[in-house]
C-alpha cells in the first residue's frame, strides 16, 4: 500500500487499509491489480480525475489538426488562371494545410494524361519552396490527383527571418542614435 504522500507502507490487510482511508478522508484506489499482492494507494480520486481531465484538455489544445484543401484545375487552363490557383494553393500551404491538387478531365481529354501530369509538375515546382509532394500525380477515374504537404521547417525559417530583420532594424536604429 502507498499513502497519500507517496511513501510505501508495505503489505497492509484490506480492513486496516479501508480504516486508514476513512480516517484520512481519502479513497483507497487499486493501482496495480495484477501484482502479487495487489498495490493500492490512498488518494482523493475526484481530484485525481479532475487533474487528469485538465491535462488531457491542455494536450488537445496544443495539438494541431491538418486539414486538406482542394485546388481544382482543367488541363487546358490559361496562364493567369493557373497563377491564381497557385496563389491560392500557396496561401493554404502557408496556413499549414495539405493541398489536394485535382486536375479534372472532360470527355476525350483523358486520352492525354501527360497534359495533366505536366500541369501537376509545374504546380509542384512553383510551390517547391514551401511544400513537398506527398503523393505523385495519379489518375483516379476522370481526375488526376496530387497531394502537397507544407514543409515543416518553412514556419521556423520564416519566424527566424522575421526575428533577424527585427534585430537588424534595432541595431541600425541604435547606430543612428
Protein backbone atom coordinates (compact mmCIF):
# COMPACT_ATOMS: atom_id res chain seq x y z
CA UNK A 1 0.00 0.00 0.00
CA UNK A 2 1.14 3.55 -0.79
CA UNK A 3 -0.02 6.51 1.31
CA UNK A 4 -1.08 9.97 0.08
CA UNK A 5 2.49 11.32 0.37
CA UNK A 6 3.79 8.60 -1.97
CA UNK A 7 5.54 6.55 0.75
CA UNK A 8 5.25 2.78 0.81
CA UNK A 9 3.51 1.39 3.89
CA UNK A 10 4.21 -2.20 2.99
CA UNK A 11 1.67 -5.04 2.94
CA UNK A 12 -1.46 -3.99 4.84
CA UNK A 13 -4.66 -6.04 5.37
CA UNK A 14 -7.71 -4.77 3.45
CA UNK A 15 -9.71 -3.87 6.59
CA UNK A 16 -6.83 -1.86 8.01
CA UNK A 17 -6.30 -0.09 4.66
CA UNK A 18 -10.00 0.82 4.45
CA UNK A 19 -9.95 2.08 8.05
CA UNK A 20 -6.87 4.21 7.30
CA UNK A 21 -8.58 5.68 4.20
CA UNK A 22 -11.69 6.57 6.24
CA UNK A 23 -9.59 8.25 8.95
CA UNK A 24 -7.74 10.41 6.41
CA UNK A 25 -10.89 11.09 4.35
CA UNK A 26 -9.29 9.71 1.19
CA UNK A 27 -10.17 6.97 -1.30
CA UNK A 28 -8.45 3.59 -1.47
CA UNK A 29 -7.61 3.06 -5.14
CA UNK A 30 -6.24 -0.17 -6.59
CA UNK A 31 -3.27 0.88 -8.76
CA UNK A 32 -1.84 -2.48 -9.87
CA UNK A 33 -4.45 -5.25 -9.55
CA UNK A 34 -2.33 -7.85 -11.36
CA UNK A 35 0.61 -7.53 -8.94
CA UNK A 36 1.09 -10.08 -6.15
CA UNK A 37 -0.09 -8.72 -3.69
CA UNK A 38 -2.22 -6.03 -5.41
CA UNK A 39 -0.97 -2.45 -4.95
CA UNK A 40 -3.38 0.15 -3.53
CA UNK A 41 -2.95 3.87 -2.97
CA UNK A 42 -4.58 6.45 -0.73
CA UNK A 43 -5.68 9.45 -2.79
CA UNK A 44 -8.51 11.89 -3.43
CA UNK A 45 -9.88 10.16 -6.53
CA UNK A 46 -12.15 13.08 -7.55
CA UNK A 47 -9.18 15.46 -7.53
CA UNK A 48 -7.10 12.92 -9.47
CA UNK A 49 -9.78 12.60 -12.20
CA UNK A 50 -10.15 16.41 -12.39
CA UNK A 51 -6.39 16.93 -12.85
CA UNK A 52 -6.24 14.13 -15.42
CA UNK A 53 -9.06 15.74 -17.46
CA UNK A 54 -7.29 19.10 -17.19
CA UNK A 55 -4.04 17.61 -18.54
CA UNK A 56 -5.92 15.95 -21.43
CA UNK A 57 -7.59 19.27 -22.34
CA UNK A 58 -4.21 21.01 -22.39
CA UNK A 59 -2.80 18.27 -24.64
CA UNK A 60 -5.75 18.68 -27.04
CA UNK A 61 -5.24 22.46 -27.13
CA UNK A 62 -1.61 22.07 -28.15
CA UNK A 63 -2.50 19.53 -30.83
CA UNK A 64 -2.77 20.89 -34.34
CA UNK A 65 -5.01 19.32 -36.92
CA UNK A 66 -4.01 19.46 -40.54
CA UNK A 67 -6.93 19.88 -42.88
CA UNK A 68 -6.87 19.21 -46.61
CA UNK A 69 -7.77 21.98 -49.04
CA UNK A 70 -8.51 21.21 -52.68
CA UNK A 71 -7.44 23.17 -55.75
CA UNK A 72 -9.18 22.10 -58.98
CA UNK A 73 -7.80 22.70 -62.48
CA UNK A 74 -8.51 21.64 -66.04
CA UNK A 75 -5.72 20.53 -68.42
CA UNK A 76 -6.24 23.47 -70.81
CA UNK A 77 -6.03 26.24 -68.17
CA UNK A 78 -4.68 29.68 -69.15
CA UNK A 79 -1.50 31.03 -67.53
CA UNK A 80 -3.18 33.77 -65.47
CA UNK A 81 -5.80 31.35 -64.13
CA UNK A 82 -3.01 28.93 -63.27
CA UNK A 83 -1.21 31.70 -61.34
CA UNK A 84 -4.39 32.47 -59.37
CA UNK A 85 -4.77 28.78 -58.45
CA UNK A 86 -1.08 28.61 -57.47
CA UNK A 87 -1.52 31.69 -55.27
CA UNK A 88 -4.49 30.06 -53.51
CA UNK A 89 -2.54 26.83 -53.01
CA UNK A 90 0.39 28.84 -51.60
CA UNK A 91 -1.99 30.54 -49.15
CA UNK A 92 -3.32 27.16 -47.99
CA UNK A 93 0.19 25.74 -47.55
CA UNK A 94 1.31 28.83 -45.61
CA UNK A 95 -1.63 28.28 -43.26
CA UNK A 96 -0.32 24.75 -42.62
CA UNK A 97 -2.93 22.83 -44.61
CA UNK A 98 -2.34 19.99 -47.06
CA UNK A 99 -3.28 20.75 -50.66
CA UNK A 100 -5.03 18.23 -52.89
CA UNK A 101 -4.36 19.27 -56.48
CA UNK A 102 -7.10 17.84 -58.72
CA UNK A 103 -6.92 18.07 -62.50
CA UNK A 104 -10.33 17.28 -63.98
CA UNK A 105 -10.53 15.76 -67.44
CA UNK A 106 -13.65 16.13 -69.59
CA UNK A 107 -14.64 13.82 -72.40
CA UNK A 108 -11.69 12.85 -74.57
CA UNK A 109 -9.16 14.90 -72.58
CA UNK A 110 -8.47 11.76 -70.53
CA UNK A 111 -6.66 10.32 -73.56
CA UNK A 112 -3.86 12.84 -72.89
CA UNK A 113 -2.92 12.31 -69.23
CA UNK A 114 0.56 13.72 -69.95
CA UNK A 115 -1.01 17.22 -70.09
CA UNK A 116 -2.37 16.80 -66.58
CA UNK A 117 0.90 15.36 -65.32
CA UNK A 118 2.80 18.28 -66.85
CA UNK A 119 0.43 20.70 -65.09
CA UNK A 120 0.84 18.89 -61.75
CA UNK A 121 4.62 19.01 -62.02
CA UNK A 122 4.50 22.70 -62.94
CA UNK A 123 2.39 23.46 -59.84
CA UNK A 124 4.65 21.35 -57.59
CA UNK A 125 7.73 23.17 -58.92
CA UNK A 126 6.08 26.56 -58.39
CA UNK A 127 5.32 25.66 -54.76
CA UNK A 128 8.52 23.68 -54.09
CA UNK A 129 9.92 26.37 -51.77
CA UNK A 130 7.12 25.82 -49.22
CA UNK A 131 5.86 22.31 -50.00
CA UNK A 132 6.84 18.75 -50.75
CA UNK A 133 4.98 16.24 -52.91
CA UNK A 134 3.32 13.68 -50.64
CA UNK A 135 1.72 11.73 -53.49
CA UNK A 136 2.81 11.91 -57.11
CA UNK A 137 0.21 12.56 -59.84
CA UNK A 138 -2.13 9.59 -60.11
CA UNK A 139 -5.26 9.13 -62.21
CA UNK A 140 -8.43 8.31 -60.24
CA UNK A 141 -11.35 7.96 -62.62
CA UNK A 142 -11.57 11.15 -64.73
CA UNK A 143 -9.35 13.11 -62.30
CA UNK A 144 -5.62 13.26 -61.70
CA UNK A 145 -4.75 13.84 -58.04
CA UNK A 146 -1.52 15.12 -56.47
CA UNK A 147 -1.06 15.75 -52.73
CA UNK A 148 1.22 18.54 -51.47
CA UNK A 149 2.41 18.83 -47.87
CA UNK A 150 3.66 22.04 -46.27
CA UNK A 151 7.35 21.88 -45.36
CA UNK A 152 7.82 21.61 -41.59
CA UNK A 153 10.91 23.82 -41.46
CA UNK A 154 9.25 26.59 -43.52
CA UNK A 155 7.42 28.05 -40.50
CA UNK A 156 10.60 28.04 -38.41
CA UNK A 157 12.73 29.70 -41.10
CA UNK A 158 10.06 32.34 -41.68
CA UNK A 159 9.91 33.17 -37.95
CA UNK A 160 13.71 33.26 -37.73
CA UNK A 161 13.87 35.57 -40.73
CA UNK A 162 11.37 37.92 -39.07
CA UNK A 163 13.42 37.91 -35.86
CA UNK A 164 16.64 38.61 -37.78
CA UNK A 165 15.02 41.55 -39.56
CA UNK A 166 13.80 42.96 -36.21
CA UNK A 167 17.27 42.55 -34.67
CA UNK A 168 18.96 44.21 -37.67
CA UNK A 169 16.47 47.10 -37.60
CA UNK A 170 17.04 47.67 -33.88
CA UNK A 171 20.85 47.60 -34.38
CA UNK A 172 20.57 50.15 -37.21
CA UNK A 173 18.39 52.40 -35.04
CA UNK A 174 20.94 52.13 -32.23
CA UNK A 175 23.76 53.05 -34.61
CA UNK A 176 21.89 56.11 -35.90
CA UNK A 177 21.10 57.40 -32.39
